[in-house]
Amino acid sequence: MGLYVMLSTLTDEGRRTVKERPARIKEVNREVELMGVQVLAQYATLGPYDFINIVEAPDTATIMRVSVELGSRGTMQVTSLAAMNLEDYIAMVASPSSFQ
């Protein structure tokens, strides 16, 4: 399973939906989980992104499908980033064979 960061920005329509039905956020999380992605953490943020989600998925193709599905609804724009556990990253960089 891979780790991913999903950054999302609500559209005008998405903001209206959240204002009228805040519980819709949790409904979308359940829909994402039915698509094979586990939501590990979710934060509402200020700034260029409205939400930051840490998710786990079997592969990049699954994250791509989820991003396209969510974006196609017209309520949000999604940016997905592959992520790596810091300990795994340090081990990978420290390995002499990782740069050959």
PDB file of N, CA and C in Angstrom:
ATOM      1  N   MET A   1       0.848  -1.178   0.000  1.00  0.00           N
ATOM      2  CA  MET A   1       0.000   0.000   0.000  1.00  0.00           C
ATOM      3  C   MET A   1       0.893   1.241   0.000  1.00  0.00           C
ATOM      4  N   GLY A   2       0.488   2.216  -0.788  1.00  0.00           N
ATOM      5  CA  GLY A   2       1.235   3.456  -0.873  1.00  0.00           C
ATOM      6  C   GLY A   2       0.562   4.570  -0.090  1.00  0.00           C
ATOM      7  N   LEU A   3       1.359   5.516   0.304  1.00  0.00           N
ATOM      8  CA  LEU A   3       0.882   6.671   1.048  1.00  0.00           C
ATOM      9  C   LEU A   3       0.787   7.860   0.095  1.00  0.00           C
ATOM     10  N   TYR A   4      -0.283   8.632   0.209  1.00  0.00           N
ATOM     11  CA  TYR A   4      -0.499   9.785  -0.669  1.00  0.00           C
ATOM     12  C   TYR A   4      -1.060  10.946   0.131  1.00  0.00           C
ATOM     13  N   VAL A   5      -0.750  12.146  -0.326  1.00  0.00           N
ATOM     14  CA  VAL A   5      -1.334  13.361   0.220  1.00  0.00           C
ATOM     15  C   VAL A   5      -2.279  13.892  -0.852  1.00  0.00           C
ATOM     16  N   MET A   6      -3.513  14.114  -0.476  1.00  0.00           N
ATOM     17  CA  MET A   6      -4.490  14.684  -1.404  1.00  0.00           C
ATOM     18  C   MET A   6      -4.848  16.083  -0.904  1.00  0.00           C
ATOM     19  N   LEU A   7      -4.547  17.069  -1.730  1.00  0.00           N
ATOM     20  CA  LEU A   7      -4.861  18.458  -1.419  1.00  0.00           C
ATOM     21  C   LEU A   7      -6.100  18.822  -2.215  1.00  0.00           C
ATOM     22  N   SER A   8      -7.102  19.382  -1.569  1.00  0.00           N
ATOM     23  CA  SER A   8      -8.319  19.717  -2.309  1.00  0.00           C
ATOM     24  C   SER A   8      -8.760  21.145  -2.033  1.00  0.00           C
ATOM     25  N   THR A   9      -9.307  21.736  -3.084  1.00  0.00           N
ATOM     26  CA  THR A   9      -9.845  23.090  -3.034  1.00  0.00           C
ATOM     27  C   THR A   9     -11.294  23.023  -3.490  1.00  0.00           C
ATOM     28  N   LEU A  10     -12.191  23.558  -2.690  1.00  0.00           N
ATOM     29  CA  LEU A  10     -13.606  23.554  -3.054  1.00  0.00           C
ATOM     30  C   LEU A  10     -13.890  24.590  -4.136  1.00  0.00           C
ATOM     31  N   THR A  11     -14.768  24.241  -5.042  1.00  0.00           N
ATOM     32  CA  THR A  11     -15.283  25.203  -6.019  1.00  0.00           C
ATOM     33  C   THR A  11     -16.424  25.969  -5.353  1.00  0.00           C
ATOM     34  N   ASP A  12     -16.982  26.933  -6.058  1.00  0.00           N
ATOM     35  CA  ASP A  12     -18.140  27.652  -5.508  1.00  0.00           C
ATOM     36  C   ASP A  12     -19.265  26.679  -5.163  1.00  0.00           C
ATOM     37  N   GLU A  13     -19.495  25.733  -6.063  1.00  0.00           N
ATOM     38  CA  GLU A  13     -20.538  24.725  -5.821  1.00  0.00           C
ATOM     39  C   GLU A  13     -20.210  23.882  -4.593  1.00  0.00           C
ATOM     40  N   GLY A  14     -18.944  23.511  -4.443  1.00  0.00           N
ATOM     41  CA  GLY A  14     -18.519  22.721  -3.292  1.00  0.00           C
ATOM     42  C   GLY A  14     -18.689  23.468  -1.984  1.00  0.00           C
ATOM     43  N   ARG A  15     -18.374  24.762  -1.985  1.00  0.00           N
ATOM     44  CA  ARG A  15     -18.564  25.568  -0.776  1.00  0.00           C
ATOM     45  C   ARG A  15     -20.040  25.662  -0.403  1.00  0.00           C
ATOM     46  N   ARG A  16     -20.903  25.808  -1.404  1.00  0.00           N
ATOM     47  CA  ARG A  16     -22.347  25.840  -1.130  1.00  0.00           C
ATOM     48  C   ARG A  16     -22.801  24.519  -0.506  1.00  0.00           C
ATOM     49  N   THR A  17     -22.313  23.418  -1.076  1.00  0.00           N
ATOM     50  CA  THR A  17     -22.690  22.097  -0.565  1.00  0.00           C
ATOM     51  C   THR A  17     -22.252  21.927   0.877  1.00  0.00           C
ATOM     52  N   VAL A  18     -21.012  22.295   1.188  1.00  0.00           N
ATOM     53  CA  VAL A  18     -20.492  22.148   2.553  1.00  0.00           C
ATOM     54  C   VAL A  18     -21.253  23.052   3.520  1.00  0.00           C
ATOM     55  N   LYS A  19     -21.599  24.250   3.076  1.00  0.00           N
ATOM     56  CA  LYS A  19     -22.349  25.155   3.953  1.00  0.00           C
ATOM     57  C   LYS A  19     -23.736  24.594   4.252  1.00  0.00           C
ATOM     58  N   GLU A  20     -24.389  24.057   3.222  1.00  0.00           N
ATOM     59  CA  GLU A  20     -25.746  23.520   3.396  1.00  0.00           C
ATOM     60  C   GLU A  20     -25.746  22.166   4.087  1.00  0.00           C
ATOM     61  N   ARG A  21     -24.711  21.347   3.807  1.00  0.00           N
ATOM     62  CA  ARG A  21     -24.665  19.981   4.344  1.00  0.00           C
ATOM     63  C   ARG A  21     -23.236  19.620   4.761  1.00  0.00           C
ATOM     64  N   PRO A  22     -22.776  20.129   5.898  1.00  0.00           N
ATOM     65  CA  PRO A  22     -21.405  19.846   6.330  1.00  0.00           C
ATOM     66  C   PRO A  22     -21.087  18.349   6.425  1.00  0.00           C
ATOM     67  N   ALA A  23     -22.075  17.537   6.724  1.00  0.00           N
ATOM     68  CA  ALA A  23     -21.856  16.090   6.840  1.00  0.00           C
ATOM     69  C   ALA A  23     -21.465  15.463   5.502  1.00  0.00           C
ATOM     70  N   ARG A  24     -21.638  16.197   4.403  1.00  0.00           N
ATOM     71  CA  ARG A  24     -21.269  15.687   3.081  1.00  0.00           C
ATOM     72  C   ARG A  24     -19.787  15.335   3.034  1.00  0.00           C
ATOM     73  N   ILE A  25     -18.980  16.043   3.814  1.00  0.00           N
ATOM     74  CA  ILE A  25     -17.538  15.762   3.853  1.00  0.00           C
ATOM     75  C   ILE A  25     -17.294  14.309   4.259  1.00  0.00           C
ATOM     76  N   LYS A  26     -17.962  13.861   5.299  1.00  0.00           N
ATOM     77  CA  LYS A  26     -17.810  12.473   5.773  1.00  0.00           C
ATOM     78  C   LYS A  26     -18.380  11.480   4.757  1.00  0.00           C
ATOM     79  N   GLU A  27     -19.449  11.877   4.058  1.00  0.00           N
ATOM     80  CA  GLU A  27     -20.014  11.005   3.026  1.00  0.00           C
ATOM     81  C   GLU A  27     -19.004  10.782   1.900  1.00  0.00           C
ATOM     82  N   VAL A  28     -18.317  11.839   1.512  1.00  0.00           N
ATOM     83  CA  VAL A  28     -17.300  11.710   0.459  1.00  0.00           C
ATOM     84  C   VAL A  28     -16.171  10.795   0.932  1.00  0.00           C
ATOM     85  N   ASN A  29     -15.787  10.910   2.204  1.00  0.00           N
ATOM     86  CA  ASN A  29     -14.753  10.013   2.742  1.00  0.00           C
ATOM     87  C   ASN A  29     -15.176   8.550   2.593  1.00  0.00           C
ATOM     88  N   ARG A  30     -16.436   8.264   2.886  1.00  0.00           N
ATOM     89  CA  ARG A  30     -16.926   6.884   2.752  1.00  0.00           C
ATOM     90  C   ARG A  30     -16.907   6.448   1.283  1.00  0.00           C
ATOM     91  N   GLU A  31     -17.261   7.351   0.377  1.00  0.00           N
ATOM     92  CA  GLU A  31     -17.222   7.034  -1.057  1.00  0.00           C
ATOM     93  C   GLU A  31     -15.789   6.742  -1.507  1.00  0.00           C
ATOM     94  N   VAL A  32     -14.849   7.526  -1.017  1.00  0.00           N
ATOM     95  CA  VAL A  32     -13.433   7.312  -1.345  1.00  0.00           C
ATOM     96  C   VAL A  32     -12.987   5.939  -0.840  1.00  0.00           C
ATOM     97  N   GLU A  33     -13.418   5.579   0.347  1.00  0.00           N
ATOM     98  CA  GLU A  33     -13.046   4.274   0.897  1.00  0.00           C
ATOM     99  C   GLU A  33     -13.656   3.134   0.079  1.00  0.00           C
ATOM    100  N   LEU A  34     -14.850   3.326  -0.468  1.00  0.00           N
ATOM    101  CA  LEU A  34     -15.443   2.309  -1.339  1.00  0.00           C
ATOM    102  C   LEU A  34     -14.671   2.161  -2.652  1.00  0.00           C
ATOM    103  N   MET A  35     -13.906   3.192  -3.018  1.00  0.00           N
ATOM    104  CA  MET A  35     -13.062   3.137  -4.219  1.00  0.00           C
ATOM    105  C   MET A  35     -11.699   2.512  -3.917  1.00  0.00           C
ATOM    106  N   GLY A  36     -11.494   2.057  -2.684  1.00  0.00           N
ATOM    107  CA  GLY A  36     -10.263   1.342  -2.349  1.00  0.00           C
ATOM    108  C   GLY A  36      -9.189   2.167  -1.679  1.00  0.00           C
ATOM    109  N   VAL A  37      -9.523   3.365  -1.217  1.00  0.00           N
ATOM    110  CA  VAL A  37      -8.548   4.257  -0.587  1.00  0.00           C
ATOM    111  C   VAL A  37      -8.960   4.495   0.859  1.00  0.00           C
ATOM    112  N   GLN A  38      -8.029   4.312   1.776  1.00  0.00           N
ATOM    113  CA  GLN A  38      -8.319   4.524   3.189  1.00  0.00           C
ATOM    114  C   GLN A  38      -7.879   5.925   3.594  1.00  0.00           C
ATOM    115  N   VAL A  39      -8.790   6.682   4.185  1.00  0.00           N
ATOM    116  CA  VAL A  39      -8.468   8.015   4.694  1.00  0.00           C
ATOM    117  C   VAL A  39      -7.844   7.838   6.076  1.00  0.00           C
ATOM    118  N   LEU A  40      -6.554   8.177   6.202  1.00  0.00           N
ATOM    119  CA  LEU A  40      -5.848   8.027   7.465  1.00  0.00           C
ATOM    120  C   LEU A  40      -5.993   9.265   8.343  1.00  0.00           C
ATOM    121  N   ALA A  41      -5.990  10.440   7.710  1.00  0.00           N
ATOM    122  CA  ALA A  41      -6.134  11.705   8.443  1.00  0.00           C
ATOM    123  C   ALA A  41      -6.695  12.750   7.497  1.00  0.00           C
ATOM    124  N   GLN A  42      -7.441  13.692   8.057  1.00  0.00           N
ATOM    125  CA  GLN A  42      -8.024  14.753   7.233  1.00  0.00           C
ATOM    126  C   GLN A  42      -8.027  16.039   8.047  1.00  0.00           C
ATOM    127  N   TYR A  43      -7.603  17.117   7.393  1.00  0.00           N
ATOM    128  CA  TYR A  43      -7.535  18.417   8.051  1.00  0.00           C
ATOM    129  C   TYR A  43      -8.183  19.477   7.171  1.00  0.00           C
ATOM    130  N   ALA A  44      -8.986  20.337   7.776  1.00  0.00           N
ATOM    131  CA  ALA A  44      -9.486  21.532   7.102  1.00  0.00           C
ATOM    132  C   ALA A  44      -8.418  22.600   7.317  1.00  0.00           C
ATOM    133  N   THR A  45      -8.071  23.332   6.253  1.00  0.00           N
ATOM    134  CA  THR A  45      -6.966  24.276   6.347  1.00  0.00           C
ATOM    135  C   THR A  45      -7.352  25.642   5.787  1.00  0.00           C
ATOM    136  N   LEU A  46      -6.575  26.629   6.147  1.00  0.00           N
ATOM    137  CA  LEU A  46      -6.673  27.961   5.576  1.00  0.00           C
ATOM    138  C   LEU A  46      -5.582  28.076   4.521  1.00  0.00           C
ATOM    139  N   GLY A  47      -5.770  28.929   3.550  1.00  0.00           N
ATOM    140  CA  GLY A  47      -4.760  29.100   2.520  1.00  0.00           C
ATOM    141  C   GLY A  47      -5.243  28.565   1.188  1.00  0.00           C
ATOM    142  N   PRO A  48      -4.322  28.160   0.323  1.00  0.00           N
ATOM    143  CA  PRO A  48      -4.717  27.755  -1.034  1.00  0.00           C
ATOM    144  C   PRO A  48      -5.504  26.448  -1.099  1.00  0.00           C
ATOM    145  N   TYR A  49      -5.444  25.619  -0.060  1.00  0.00           N
ATOM    146  CA  TYR A  49      -6.175  24.353  -0.041  1.00  0.00           C
ATOM    147  C   TYR A  49      -7.169  24.365   1.110  1.00  0.00           C
ATOM    148  N   ASP A  50      -8.349  23.819   0.858  1.00  0.00           N
ATOM    149  CA  ASP A  50      -9.379  23.747   1.892  1.00  0.00           C
ATOM    150  C   ASP A  50      -9.225  22.509   2.772  1.00  0.00           C
ATOM    151  N   PHE A  51      -8.689  21.427   2.197  1.00  0.00           N
ATOM    152  CA  PHE A  51      -8.505  20.188   2.948  1.00  0.00           C
ATOM    153  C   PHE A  51      -7.186  19.532   2.565  1.00  0.00           C
ATOM    154  N   ILE A  52      -6.556  18.926   3.564  1.00  0.00           N
ATOM    155  CA  ILE A  52      -5.383  18.083   3.338  1.00  0.00           C
ATOM    156  C   ILE A  52      -5.750  16.714   3.879  1.00  0.00           C
ATOM    157  N   ASN A  53      -5.627  15.709   3.011  1.00  0.00           N
ATOM    158  CA  ASN A  53      -5.961  14.333   3.383  1.00  0.00           C
ATOM    159  C   ASN A  53      -4.730  13.462   3.248  1.00  0.00           C
ATOM    160  N   ILE A  54      -4.484  12.649   4.238  1.00  0.00           N
ATOM    161  CA  ILE A  54      -3.437  11.631   4.160  1.00  0.00           C
ATOM    162  C   ILE A  54      -4.175  10.324   3.932  1.00  0.00           C
ATOM    163  N   VAL A  55      -3.863   9.671   2.817  1.00  0.00           N
ATOM    164  CA  VAL A  55      -4.594   8.456   2.444  1.00  0.00           C
ATOM    165  C   VAL A  55      -3.626   7.341   2.096  1.00  0.00           C
ATOM    166  N   GLU A  56      -4.149   6.132   2.115  1.00  0.00           N
ATOM    167  CA  GLU A  56      -3.381   4.943   1.738  1.00  0.00           C
ATOM    168  C   GLU A  56      -4.142   4.238   0.625  1.00  0.00           C
ATOM    169  N   ALA A  57      -3.410   3.859  -0.413  1.00  0.00           N
ATOM    170  CA  ALA A  57      -4.037   3.206  -1.563  1.00  0.00           C
ATOM    171  C   ALA A  57      -3.142   2.088  -2.068  1.00  0.00           C
ATOM    172  N   PRO A  58      -3.737   1.115  -2.760  1.00  0.00           N
ATOM    173  CA  PRO A  58      -2.938  -0.005  -3.254  1.00  0.00           C
ATOM    174  C   PRO A  58      -1.918   0.399  -4.314  1.00  0.00           C
ATOM    175  N   ASP A  59      -2.221   1.448  -5.091  1.00  0.00           N
ATOM    176  CA  ASP A  59      -1.300   1.852  -6.156  1.00  0.00           C
ATOM    177  C   ASP A  59      -1.664   3.237  -6.677  1.00  0.00           C
ATOM    178  N   THR A  60      -0.788   3.771  -7.518  1.00  0.00           N
ATOM    179  CA  THR A  60      -0.994   5.102  -8.076  1.00  0.00           C
ATOM    180  C   THR A  60      -2.228   5.162  -8.966  1.00  0.00           C
ATOM    181  N   ALA A  61      -2.513   4.092  -9.693  1.00  0.00           N
ATOM    182  CA  ALA A  61      -3.685   4.078 -10.564  1.00  0.00           C
ATOM    183  C   ALA A  61      -4.970   4.294  -9.765  1.00  0.00           C
ATOM    184  N   THR A  62      -5.043   3.727  -8.579  1.00  0.00           N
ATOM    185  CA  THR A  62      -6.231   3.907  -7.737  1.00  0.00           C
ATOM    186  C   THR A  62      -6.382   5.365  -7.329  1.00  0.00           C
ATOM    187  N   ILE A  63      -5.286   5.997  -6.932  1.00  0.00           N
ATOM    188  CA  ILE A  63      -5.333   7.418  -6.556  1.00  0.00           C
ATOM    189  C   ILE A  63      -5.731   8.267  -7.752  1.00  0.00           C
ATOM    190  N   MET A  64      -5.227   7.923  -8.920  1.00  0.00           N
ATOM    191  CA  MET A  64      -5.587   8.675 -10.125  1.00  0.00           C
ATOM    192  C   MET A  64      -7.088   8.571 -10.395  1.00  0.00           C
ATOM    193  N   ARG A  65      -7.644   7.361 -10.266  1.00  0.00           N
ATOM    194  CA  ARG A  65      -9.090   7.184 -10.483  1.00  0.00           C
ATOM    195  C   ARG A  65      -9.900   7.992  -9.481  1.00  0.00           C
ATOM    196  N   VAL A  66      -9.492   7.973  -8.213  1.00  0.00           N
ATOM    197  CA  VAL A  66     -10.201   8.735  -7.182  1.00  0.00           C
ATOM    198  C   VAL A  66     -10.113  10.229  -7.483  1.00  0.00           C
ATOM    199  N   SER A  67      -8.943  10.713  -7.847  1.00  0.00           N
ATOM    200  CA  SER A  67      -8.768  12.137  -8.155  1.00  0.00           C
ATOM    201  C   SER A  67      -9.644  12.564  -9.327  1.00  0.00           C
ATOM    202  N   VAL A  68      -9.689  11.745 -10.364  1.00  0.00           N
ATOM    203  CA  VAL A  68     -10.525  12.066 -11.530  1.00  0.00           C
ATOM    204  C   VAL A  68     -11.998  12.034 -11.144  1.00  0.00           C
ATOM    205  N   GLU A  69     -12.405  11.019 -10.403  1.00  0.00           N
ATOM    206  CA  GLU A  69     -13.805  10.912  -9.988  1.00  0.00           C
ATOM    207  C   GLU A  69     -14.232  12.124  -9.158  1.00  0.00           C
ATOM    208  N   LEU A  70     -13.434  12.471  -8.160  1.00  0.00           N
ATOM    209  CA  LEU A  70     -13.793  13.597  -7.310  1.00  0.00           C
ATOM    210  C   LEU A  70     -13.786  14.913  -8.089  1.00  0.00           C
ATOM    211  N   GLY A  71     -12.786  15.108  -8.922  1.00  0.00           N
ATOM    212  CA  GLY A  71     -12.693  16.332  -9.709  1.00  0.00           C
ATOM    213  C   GLY A  71     -13.806  16.468 -10.731  1.00  0.00           C
ATOM    214  N   SER A  72     -14.273  15.343 -11.267  1.00  0.00           N
ATOM    215  CA  SER A  72     -15.296  15.383 -12.310  1.00  0.00           C
ATOM    216  C   SER A  72     -16.659  15.813 -11.777  1.00  0.00           C
ATOM    217  N   ARG A  73     -16.831  15.804 -10.483  1.00  0.00           N
ATOM    218  CA  ARG A  73     -18.111  16.178  -9.883  1.00  0.00           C
ATOM    219  C   ARG A  73     -18.347  17.690  -9.899  1.00  0.00           C
ATOM    220  N   GLY A  74     -17.277  18.448 -10.083  1.00  0.00           N
ATOM    221  CA  GLY A  74     -17.402  19.896 -10.149  1.00  0.00           C
ATOM    222  C   GLY A  74     -17.454  20.604  -8.807  1.00  0.00           C
ATOM    223  N   THR A  75     -17.251  19.882  -7.719  1.00  0.00           N
ATOM    224  CA  THR A  75     -17.316  20.497  -6.397  1.00  0.00           C
ATOM    225  C   THR A  75     -15.941  20.753  -5.784  1.00  0.00           C
ATOM    226  N   MET A  76     -14.899  20.189  -6.395  1.00  0.00           N
ATOM    227  CA  MET A  76     -13.550  20.391  -5.866  1.00  0.00           C
ATOM    228  C   MET A  76     -12.507  20.145  -6.940  1.00  0.00           C
ATOM    229  N   GLN A  77     -11.336  20.704  -6.694  1.00  0.00           N
ATOM    230  CA  GLN A  77     -10.157  20.401  -7.502  1.00  0.00           C
ATOM    231  C   GLN A  77      -9.197  19.650  -6.588  1.00  0.00           C
ATOM    232  N   VAL A  78      -8.563  18.611  -7.122  1.00  0.00           N
ATOM    233  CA  VAL A  78      -7.721  17.741  -6.308  1.00  0.00           C
ATOM    234  C   VAL A  78      -6.309  17.698  -6.868  1.00  0.00           C
ATOM    235  N   THR A  79      -5.335  17.800  -5.973  1.00  0.00           N
ATOM    236  CA  THR A  79      -3.932  17.580  -6.304  1.00  0.00           C
ATOM    237  C   THR A  79      -3.461  16.422  -5.432  1.00  0.00           C
ATOM    238  N   SER A  80      -2.914  15.382  -6.050  1.00  0.00           N
ATOM    239  CA  SER A  80      -2.466  14.208  -5.296  1.00  0.00           C
ATOM    240  C   SER A  80      -0.956  14.085  -5.381  1.00  0.00           C
ATOM    241  N   LEU A  81      -0.341  13.768  -4.265  1.00  0.00           N
ATOM    242  CA  LEU A  81       1.112  13.633  -4.182  1.00  0.00           C
ATOM    243  C   LEU A  81       1.473  12.284  -3.564  1.00  0.00           C
ATOM    244  N   ALA A  82       2.429  11.590  -4.167  1.00  0.00           N
ATOM    245  CA  ALA A  82       2.941  10.365  -3.547  1.00  0.00           C
ATOM    246  C   ALA A  82       3.783  10.781  -2.346  1.00  0.00           C
ATOM    247  N   ALA A  83       3.708  10.008  -1.281  1.00  0.00           N
ATOM    248  CA  ALA A  83       4.456  10.319  -0.063  1.00  0.00           C
ATOM    249  C   ALA A  83       5.179   9.070   0.428  1.00  0.00           C
ATOM    250  N   MET A  84       6.171   9.288   1.273  1.00  0.00           N
ATOM    251  CA  MET A  84       6.933   8.175   1.837  1.00  0.00           C
ATOM    252  C   MET A  84       7.165   8.444   3.317  1.00  0.00           C
ATOM    253  N   ASN A  85       7.015   7.415   4.127  1.00  0.00           N
ATOM    254  CA  ASN A  85       7.324   7.479   5.542  1.00  0.00           C
ATOM    255  C   ASN A  85       8.756   7.984   5.707  1.00  0.00           C
ATOM    256  N   LEU A  86       8.989   8.872   6.667  1.00  0.00           N
ATOM    257  CA  LEU A  86      10.299   9.473   6.840  1.00  0.00           C
ATOM    258  C   LEU A  86      11.390   8.437   7.120  1.00  0.00           C
ATOM    259  N   GLU A  87      11.088   7.424   7.918  1.00  0.00           N
ATOM    260  CA  GLU A  87      12.089   6.388   8.211  1.00  0.00           C
ATOM    261  C   GLU A  87      12.471   5.619   6.940  1.00  0.00           C
ATOM    262  N   ASP A  88      11.484   5.305   6.107  1.00  0.00           N
ATOM    263  CA  ASP A  88      11.775   4.623   4.842  1.00  0.00           C
ATOM    264  C   ASP A  88      12.606   5.511   3.933  1.00  0.00           C
ATOM    265  N   TYR A  89      12.313   6.803   3.924  1.00  0.00           N
ATOM    266  CA  TYR A  89      13.055   7.750   3.101  1.00  0.00           C
ATOM    267  C   TYR A  89      14.521   7.803   3.531  1.00  0.00           C
ATOM    268  N   ILE A  90      14.745   7.919   4.836  1.00  0.00           N
ATOM    269  CA  ILE A  90      16.115   7.976   5.350  1.00  0.00           C
ATOM    270  C   ILE A  90      16.865   6.699   5.006  1.00  0.00           C
ATOM    271  N   ALA A  91      16.227   5.546   5.161  1.00  0.00           N
ATOM    272  CA  ALA A  91      16.868   4.272   4.831  1.00  0.00           C
ATOM    273  C   ALA A  91      17.197   4.195   3.346  1.00  0.00           C
ATOM    274  N   MET A  92      16.299   4.673   2.498  1.00  0.00           N
ATOM    275  CA  MET A  92      16.519   4.641   1.054  1.00  0.00           C
ATOM    276  C   MET A  92      17.675   5.534   0.665  1.00  0.00           C
ATOM    277  N   VAL A  93      17.727   6.740   1.219  1.00  0.00           N
ATOM    278  CA  VAL A  93      18.811   7.682   0.890  1.00  0.00           C
ATOM    279  C   VAL A  93      20.142   7.176   1.425  1.00  0.00           C
ATOM    280  N   ALA A  94      20.126   6.530   2.578  1.00  0.00           N
ATOM    281  CA  ALA A  94      21.355   6.029   3.196  1.00  0.00           C
ATOM    282  C   ALA A  94      21.918   4.811   2.495  1.00  0.00           C
ATOM    283  N   SER A  95      21.099   4.117   1.714  1.00  0.00           N
ATOM    284  CA  SER A  95      21.553   2.906   1.030  1.00  0.00           C
ATOM    285  C   SER A  95      22.455   3.257  -0.134  1.00  0.00           C
ATOM    286  N   PRO A  96      23.682   2.716  -0.159  1.00  0.00           N
ATOM    287  CA  PRO A  96      24.615   3.031  -1.253  1.00  0.00           C
ATOM    288  C   PRO A  96      24.066   2.605  -2.627  1.00  0.00           C
ATOM    289  N   SER A  97      23.261   1.571  -2.664  1.00  0.00           N
ATOM    290  CA  SER A  97      22.751   1.090  -3.959  1.00  0.00           C
ATOM    291  C   SER A  97      21.588   1.903  -4.483  1.00  0.00           C
ATOM    292  N   SER A  98      21.047   2.834  -3.702  1.00  0.00           N
ATOM    293  CA  SER A  98      19.884   3.581  -4.135  1.00  0.00           C
ATOM    294  C   SER A  98      20.200   4.603  -5.222  1.00  0.00           C
ATOM    295  N   PHE A  99      21.474   4.901  -5.445  1.00  0.00           N
ATOM    296  CA  PHE A  99      21.850   5.898  -6.439  1.00  0.00           C
ATOM    297  C   PHE A  99      22.619   5.293  -7.611  1.00  0.00           C
ATOM    298  N   GLN A 100      22.570   3.996  -7.754  1.00  0.00           N
ATOM    299  CA  GLN A 100      23.302   3.362  -8.858  1.00  0.00           C
ATOM    300  C   GLN A 100      22.386   3.028 -10.000  1.00  0.00           C
TER     301      GLN A 100
END
